[in-house]
């Protein structure tokens, strides 16, 4: 609340608000919460009561606003009356299984999911577009003579995590988690941009089991709180509309401008991206549990410079970064792209 730590004393106005809320507690028994009960054949071994608190900035749990509650009650009333029409499947179960089996055996197509879309790509088209991007004139990728996955794991990841553990930056449990037990190179593929002429591909690298996958998760954990402090941070459409509302009345000659950067992710320079992350990491409040800025920047450099992957041959990304499959996109990327 207002950035207070859990053991800090409330300001005077917050004390008044809290006391007012406490005086309303006797009304709590009047709150009626519908329950659901389902019979179980198995013997019940344990019963527990779970409570959840709304994490919204509106703080519904303690903030009483008549207009808000009227709106919520109206929405609840409408939802309870709603009777969705049953959706009829246009395929029988047998037909669906047959399609699945036959499609899985075809070598002339690649099927990829993209958010709510299912993309059906001819193998030749997909391969040609991947090769076009991997052989780009910007030299974002480098062809390797051999797979460097094992070398990355042994020479860099193991040594670095061991040093972090020795320096008391991470404990033994975290060190074990950061080390992949069965490391593999990333897998490169493309998702066609169906809204653009010629359907150019959006490059994706799936880094499941890559040596740096869990290092990325560790860095992401420390960078995520910083993303919301950037001036360019927009959570969603509602957040954007609220920001516009805060601007007030715009002058008559104002222009609202949007832009699109071509090949945004693959055009991020490594050094400049790390500098951007270092800038925001240095704004953190320091305590004994804070992982040092340079330690995190070293990990970011490892993630960016060891992004090896396969597509026919072995490749290494030497410029920029790649998108990750949603929802695995990293908050670290947000700071690299939108400082």
Protein backbone atom coordinates (compact mmCIF):
# COMPACT_ATOMS: atom_id res chain seq x y z
CA UNK A 1 0.00 0.00 0.00
CA UNK A 2 1.62 3.22 -1.20
CA UNK A 3 4.95 1.42 -1.31
CA UNK A 4 4.92 0.74 2.46
CA UNK A 5 6.91 -2.20 3.72
CA UNK A 6 4.97 -4.72 5.81
CA UNK A 7 6.43 -3.46 9.11
CA UNK A 8 6.27 0.30 8.39
CA UNK A 9 3.90 2.53 10.33
CA UNK A 10 0.96 3.86 8.31
CA UNK A 11 0.65 7.54 7.56
CA UNK A 12 -2.05 9.45 9.47
CA UNK A 13 -4.61 9.42 6.63
CA UNK A 14 -4.13 5.67 6.12
CA UNK A 15 -4.68 5.10 9.82
CA UNK A 16 -8.01 6.91 9.58
CA UNK A 17 -9.03 4.82 6.58
CA UNK A 18 -8.00 1.60 8.33
CA UNK A 19 -9.94 2.51 11.48
CA UNK A 20 -13.02 3.25 9.35
CA UNK A 21 -12.67 -0.17 7.72
CA UNK A 22 -12.29 -1.84 11.12
CA UNK A 23 -15.54 -0.21 12.32
CA UNK A 24 -17.32 -1.89 9.39
CA UNK A 25 -16.11 -5.37 10.31
CA UNK A 26 -19.23 -6.17 12.39
CA UNK A 27 -21.13 -6.12 9.09
CA UNK A 28 -19.02 -9.05 7.81
CA UNK A 29 -21.56 -11.74 8.90
CA UNK A 30 -24.05 -10.20 6.48
CA UNK A 31 -21.83 -11.12 3.54
CA UNK A 32 -23.23 -14.20 1.83
CA UNK A 33 -20.85 -16.28 -0.29
CA UNK A 34 -22.32 -19.12 -2.38
CA UNK A 35 -20.64 -22.47 -1.82
CA UNK A 36 -20.31 -25.49 -4.04
CA UNK A 37 -20.28 -29.05 -2.73
CA UNK A 38 -19.40 -32.11 -4.78
CA UNK A 39 -19.65 -35.64 -3.50
CA UNK A 40 -16.43 -37.65 -3.59
CA UNK A 41 -16.26 -41.43 -3.58
CA UNK A 42 -12.80 -41.40 -2.03
CA UNK A 43 -12.30 -40.83 1.68
CA UNK A 44 -11.48 -37.21 2.53
CA UNK A 45 -8.06 -37.13 4.17
CA UNK A 46 -7.75 -33.40 4.79
CA UNK A 47 -9.93 -30.29 4.68
CA UNK A 48 -8.59 -26.74 4.57
CA UNK A 49 -10.11 -23.29 4.17
CA UNK A 50 -8.33 -21.15 1.57
CA UNK A 51 -8.69 -17.37 1.51
CA UNK A 52 -7.76 -15.12 -1.37
CA UNK A 53 -7.19 -11.37 -1.46
CA UNK A 54 -7.79 -9.26 -4.55
CA UNK A 55 -4.45 -7.82 -5.70
CA UNK A 56 -6.07 -5.13 -7.84
CA UNK A 57 -4.94 -1.55 -7.40
CA UNK A 58 -8.59 -0.74 -6.70
CA UNK A 59 -8.37 -2.83 -3.51
CA UNK A 60 -11.93 -4.14 -3.69
CA UNK A 61 -11.51 -5.95 -0.39
CA UNK A 62 -11.35 -2.74 1.66
CA UNK A 63 -12.62 0.00 -0.65
CA UNK A 64 -16.36 0.54 -0.59
CA UNK A 65 -17.71 2.52 -3.50
CA UNK A 66 -21.45 2.36 -4.14
CA UNK A 67 -21.15 2.90 -7.90
CA UNK A 68 -18.53 0.16 -8.20
CA UNK A 69 -20.55 -2.34 -6.21
CA UNK A 70 -23.70 -1.51 -8.16
CA UNK A 71 -21.83 -2.19 -11.38
CA UNK A 72 -20.37 -5.48 -10.10
CA UNK A 73 -23.77 -6.65 -8.87
CA UNK A 74 -25.33 -5.82 -12.24
CA UNK A 75 -22.64 -7.77 -14.08
CA UNK A 76 -23.04 -10.73 -11.73
CA UNK A 77 -26.81 -10.64 -12.24
CA UNK A 78 -26.41 -10.67 -16.03
CA UNK A 79 -23.88 -13.50 -15.92
CA UNK A 80 -26.14 -15.65 -13.76
CA UNK A 81 -28.97 -15.23 -16.28
CA UNK A 82 -26.69 -16.04 -19.20
CA UNK A 83 -27.35 -19.38 -20.86
CA UNK A 84 -24.68 -20.04 -23.48
CA UNK A 85 -25.91 -21.86 -26.53
CA UNK A 86 -24.34 -25.31 -26.91
CA UNK A 87 -21.62 -25.43 -29.55
CA UNK A 88 -22.04 -28.28 -31.99
CA UNK A 89 -18.82 -29.90 -33.13
CA UNK A 90 -18.72 -30.16 -36.93
CA UNK A 91 -16.62 -33.33 -36.69
CA UNK A 92 -17.37 -36.61 -35.01
CA UNK A 93 -14.81 -37.96 -32.58
CA UNK A 94 -13.77 -40.59 -35.13
CA UNK A 95 -13.34 -37.97 -37.85
CA UNK A 96 -11.28 -35.78 -35.54
CA UNK A 97 -8.94 -38.63 -34.57
CA UNK A 98 -8.57 -39.63 -38.21
CA UNK A 99 -7.58 -36.07 -39.19
CA UNK A 100 -5.11 -35.90 -36.36
CA UNK A 101 -3.46 -39.18 -37.31
CA UNK A 102 -3.28 -38.40 -41.02
CA UNK A 103 -1.96 -34.87 -40.55
CA UNK A 104 0.74 -36.06 -38.14
CA UNK A 105 2.07 -38.39 -40.84
CA UNK A 106 2.39 -35.72 -43.51
CA UNK A 107 5.84 -34.38 -44.20
CA UNK A 108 4.76 -31.65 -46.62
CA UNK A 109 3.22 -29.35 -44.00
CA UNK A 110 4.13 -27.75 -40.67
CA UNK A 111 1.37 -26.94 -38.18
CA UNK A 112 2.02 -24.24 -35.59
CA UNK A 113 -0.22 -22.56 -33.05
CA UNK A 114 -0.08 -18.78 -32.75
CA UNK A 115 -2.25 -17.39 -29.95
CA UNK A 116 -5.82 -18.13 -31.12
CA UNK A 117 -4.73 -19.19 -34.61
CA UNK A 118 -3.68 -22.54 -36.00
CA UNK A 119 -1.25 -22.01 -38.85
CA UNK A 120 -0.88 -24.56 -41.62
CA UNK A 121 2.40 -23.94 -43.45
CA UNK A 122 3.76 -25.81 -46.44
CA UNK A 123 7.10 -27.35 -45.49
CA UNK A 124 8.90 -25.89 -48.49
CA UNK A 125 7.57 -22.40 -47.82
CA UNK A 126 8.52 -22.58 -44.14
CA UNK A 127 12.02 -23.91 -44.89
CA UNK A 128 12.72 -21.28 -47.55
CA UNK A 129 11.63 -18.43 -45.26
CA UNK A 130 13.75 -19.76 -42.38
CA UNK A 131 16.81 -20.04 -44.63
CA UNK A 132 16.20 -16.54 -46.00
CA UNK A 133 16.28 -15.09 -42.49
CA UNK A 134 19.23 -17.16 -41.32
CA UNK A 135 21.24 -16.02 -44.34
CA UNK A 136 20.29 -12.36 -43.92
CA UNK A 137 22.72 -9.63 -44.94
CA UNK A 138 22.57 -8.03 -41.47
CA UNK A 139 24.55 -10.97 -40.12
CA UNK A 140 22.33 -11.61 -37.13
CA UNK A 141 23.24 -15.30 -37.19
CA UNK A 142 26.46 -17.27 -37.50
CA UNK A 143 26.75 -20.80 -38.86
CA UNK A 144 28.60 -23.09 -36.45
CA UNK A 145 30.84 -26.01 -37.26
CA UNK A 146 29.54 -28.01 -34.31
CA UNK A 147 27.01 -27.95 -31.48
CA UNK A 148 28.23 -25.75 -28.60
CA UNK A 149 25.45 -26.72 -26.17
CA UNK A 150 27.58 -29.01 -24.00
CA UNK A 151 30.47 -26.55 -24.01
CA UNK A 152 28.13 -23.71 -22.96
CA UNK A 153 26.81 -25.84 -20.12
CA UNK A 154 30.20 -26.93 -18.79
CA UNK A 155 32.41 -23.91 -19.40
CA UNK A 156 29.99 -21.10 -18.67
CA UNK A 157 26.79 -22.11 -16.87
CA UNK A 158 28.33 -24.59 -14.41
CA UNK A 159 31.29 -22.35 -13.60
CA UNK A 160 29.20 -19.22 -13.23
CA UNK A 161 26.52 -20.78 -11.00
CA UNK A 162 29.26 -22.40 -8.89
CA UNK A 163 30.89 -19.02 -8.37
CA UNK A 164 27.56 -17.40 -7.50
CA UNK A 165 26.96 -20.11 -4.92
CA UNK A 166 30.48 -19.78 -3.51
CA UNK A 167 29.99 -15.99 -3.19
CA UNK A 168 26.69 -16.55 -1.32
CA UNK A 169 24.67 -14.90 -4.11
CA UNK A 170 22.50 -18.00 -4.54
CA UNK A 171 21.94 -20.99 -2.30
CA UNK A 172 22.56 -24.63 -3.17
CA UNK A 173 18.94 -25.26 -4.14
CA UNK A 174 18.89 -22.35 -6.59
CA UNK A 175 22.21 -23.44 -8.06
CA UNK A 176 20.85 -26.92 -8.75
CA UNK A 177 17.73 -25.46 -10.37
CA UNK A 178 19.69 -23.17 -12.71
CA UNK A 179 21.61 -26.10 -14.19
CA UNK A 180 19.78 -28.05 -16.89
CA UNK A 181 20.03 -31.80 -16.40
CA UNK A 182 19.65 -32.59 -20.09
CA UNK A 183 20.65 -29.46 -22.06
CA UNK A 184 19.63 -29.10 -25.71
CA UNK A 185 20.11 -26.39 -28.32
CA UNK A 186 17.22 -24.10 -29.12
CA UNK A 187 14.87 -24.81 -32.04
CA UNK A 188 14.38 -22.14 -34.70
CA UNK A 189 11.12 -21.74 -36.59
CA UNK A 190 8.95 -18.99 -38.03
CA UNK A 191 5.33 -17.92 -37.67
CA UNK A 192 4.00 -16.25 -40.84
CA UNK A 193 2.75 -12.68 -40.45
CA UNK A 194 -0.59 -13.37 -42.08
CA UNK A 195 -1.55 -9.67 -42.03
CA UNK A 196 1.42 -8.63 -44.22
CA UNK A 197 1.92 -9.01 -47.93
CA UNK A 198 3.95 -12.09 -48.81
CA UNK A 199 3.48 -13.43 -45.25
CA UNK A 200 7.06 -12.89 -44.03
CA UNK A 201 8.02 -15.02 -41.04
CA UNK A 202 8.44 -13.88 -37.46
CA UNK A 203 11.54 -15.67 -36.11
CA UNK A 204 10.98 -17.69 -32.94
CA UNK A 205 13.51 -19.69 -30.93
CA UNK A 206 12.12 -22.27 -28.53
CA UNK A 207 14.67 -22.52 -25.74
CA UNK A 208 13.13 -25.37 -23.77
CA UNK A 209 16.03 -27.21 -22.08
CA UNK A 210 18.59 -24.75 -23.46
CA UNK A 211 21.49 -24.20 -20.99
CA UNK A 212 20.45 -20.56 -20.50
CA UNK A 213 16.70 -21.19 -20.14
CA UNK A 214 16.63 -21.13 -16.34
CA UNK A 215 19.24 -18.38 -16.21
CA UNK A 216 16.74 -16.31 -18.20
CA UNK A 217 14.02 -17.15 -15.66
CA UNK A 218 16.31 -16.04 -12.82
CA UNK A 219 17.15 -12.73 -14.54
CA UNK A 220 13.50 -12.22 -15.48
CA UNK A 221 12.49 -12.55 -11.82
CA UNK A 222 14.76 -9.64 -10.90
CA UNK A 223 13.90 -7.44 -13.88
CA UNK A 224 10.13 -7.87 -13.82
CA UNK A 225 9.48 -5.29 -11.05
CA UNK A 226 11.55 -2.72 -12.97
CA UNK A 227 9.51 -2.94 -16.16
CA UNK A 228 6.56 -1.13 -14.59
CA UNK A 229 8.81 1.79 -13.63
CA UNK A 230 9.63 2.65 -17.25
CA UNK A 231 7.81 5.57 -18.85
CA UNK A 232 6.91 3.39 -21.83
CA UNK A 233 5.19 0.68 -19.76
CA UNK A 234 1.62 -0.09 -20.86
CA UNK A 235 -0.03 -3.03 -19.12
CA UNK A 236 -3.10 -3.36 -21.34
CA UNK A 237 -5.75 -1.38 -23.21
CA UNK A 238 -7.40 -0.13 -20.02
CA UNK A 239 -4.05 1.11 -18.72
CA UNK A 240 -3.46 2.93 -22.02
CA UNK A 241 -6.88 4.60 -21.85
CA UNK A 242 -6.22 5.68 -18.27
CA UNK A 243 -2.94 7.26 -19.34
CA UNK A 244 -4.72 9.16 -22.10
CA UNK A 245 -7.28 10.37 -19.58
CA UNK A 246 -4.50 11.64 -17.31
CA UNK A 247 -3.20 13.81 -20.13
CA UNK A 248 -6.36 15.89 -19.96
CA UNK A 249 -7.44 18.10 -22.85
CA UNK A 250 -4.90 18.00 -25.66
CA UNK A 251 -4.18 21.12 -27.75
CA UNK A 252 -6.08 21.33 -31.02
CA UNK A 253 -2.93 20.82 -33.10
CA UNK A 254 -1.79 17.67 -31.22
CA UNK A 255 -0.88 14.53 -33.15
CA UNK A 256 -1.13 10.99 -31.78
CA UNK A 257 1.68 9.00 -33.38
CA UNK A 258 2.41 5.27 -33.50
CA UNK A 259 5.42 3.55 -35.03
CA UNK A 260 6.54 0.09 -36.04
CA UNK A 261 10.17 -0.99 -36.09
CA UNK A 262 11.16 -3.48 -38.77
CA UNK A 263 12.65 -6.67 -37.27
CA UNK A 264 12.65 -5.04 -33.83
CA UNK A 265 14.02 -7.89 -31.73
CA UNK A 266 16.81 -8.93 -34.05
CA UNK A 267 17.99 -5.31 -34.28
CA UNK A 268 18.72 -4.85 -30.56
CA UNK A 269 22.49 -4.32 -30.09
CA UNK A 270 23.76 -6.50 -27.26
CA UNK A 271 25.94 -3.89 -25.55
CA UNK A 272 23.32 -1.14 -25.69
CA UNK A 273 20.64 -3.53 -24.45
CA UNK A 274 22.77 -4.55 -21.46
CA UNK A 275 23.49 -0.88 -20.73
CA UNK A 276 19.74 -0.21 -20.63
CA UNK A 277 19.21 -3.06 -18.16
CA UNK A 278 22.13 -1.84 -16.02
CA UNK A 279 20.57 1.65 -15.85
CA UNK A 280 17.32 0.32 -14.37
CA UNK A 281 19.01 -2.22 -12.13
CA UNK A 282 20.99 0.61 -10.55
CA UNK A 283 17.72 2.30 -9.52
CA UNK A 284 16.80 -0.54 -7.15
CA UNK A 285 16.77 -0.22 -3.39
CA UNK A 286 19.65 -2.32 -2.09
CA UNK A 287 19.52 -4.79 0.77
CA UNK A 288 21.40 -7.93 1.80
CA UNK A 289 19.31 -10.14 -0.51
CA UNK A 290 19.70 -7.97 -3.61
CA UNK A 291 21.59 -9.66 -6.44
CA UNK A 292 24.24 -7.25 -7.67
CA UNK A 293 23.77 -5.31 -10.91
CA UNK A 294 26.98 -6.60 -12.49
CA UNK A 295 26.10 -10.20 -11.63
CA UNK A 296 22.76 -9.86 -13.43
CA UNK A 297 24.40 -8.04 -16.36
CA UNK A 298 26.87 -10.91 -16.70
CA UNK A 299 23.96 -13.34 -16.86
CA UNK A 300 22.17 -11.18 -19.45
CA UNK A 301 25.32 -11.18 -21.58
CA UNK A 302 25.45 -14.98 -21.37
CA UNK A 303 21.81 -15.23 -22.45
CA UNK A 304 22.31 -12.90 -25.43
CA UNK A 305 25.65 -14.25 -26.66
CA UNK A 306 25.02 -17.98 -26.17
CA UNK A 307 21.72 -18.24 -28.00
CA UNK A 308 22.61 -21.32 -30.03
CA UNK A 309 19.93 -23.19 -31.93
CA UNK A 310 19.36 -25.68 -34.72
CA UNK A 311 17.69 -25.49 -38.08
CA UNK A 312 19.17 -28.02 -40.51
CA UNK A 313 22.58 -26.87 -39.22
CA UNK A 314 23.84 -25.35 -35.97
CA UNK A 315 23.59 -21.58 -35.58
CA UNK A 316 24.48 -18.87 -33.07
CA UNK A 317 22.76 -15.51 -32.81
CA UNK A 318 25.42 -12.79 -32.83
CA UNK A 319 23.19 -9.72 -33.04
CA UNK A 320 19.85 -8.90 -31.47
CA UNK A 321 17.60 -11.36 -29.69
CA UNK A 322 14.68 -13.59 -30.57
CA UNK A 323 11.10 -13.73 -29.48
CA UNK A 324 10.21 -16.60 -27.21
CA UNK A 325 7.02 -18.62 -27.60
CA UNK A 326 4.19 -16.89 -25.71
CA UNK A 327 3.81 -16.86 -22.71
CA UNK A 328 7.55 -17.41 -22.16
CA UNK A 329 8.48 -13.96 -23.46
CA UNK A 330 10.88 -12.42 -20.96
CA UNK A 331 10.46 -9.13 -19.11
CA UNK A 332 14.18 -8.71 -19.70
CA UNK A 333 13.34 -8.20 -23.36
CA UNK A 334 10.98 -5.35 -22.43
CA UNK A 335 13.84 -3.45 -20.86
CA UNK A 336 16.13 -4.22 -23.78
CA UNK A 337 13.56 -2.93 -26.26
CA UNK A 338 11.58 -0.29 -24.38
CA UNK A 339 13.88 1.44 -21.84
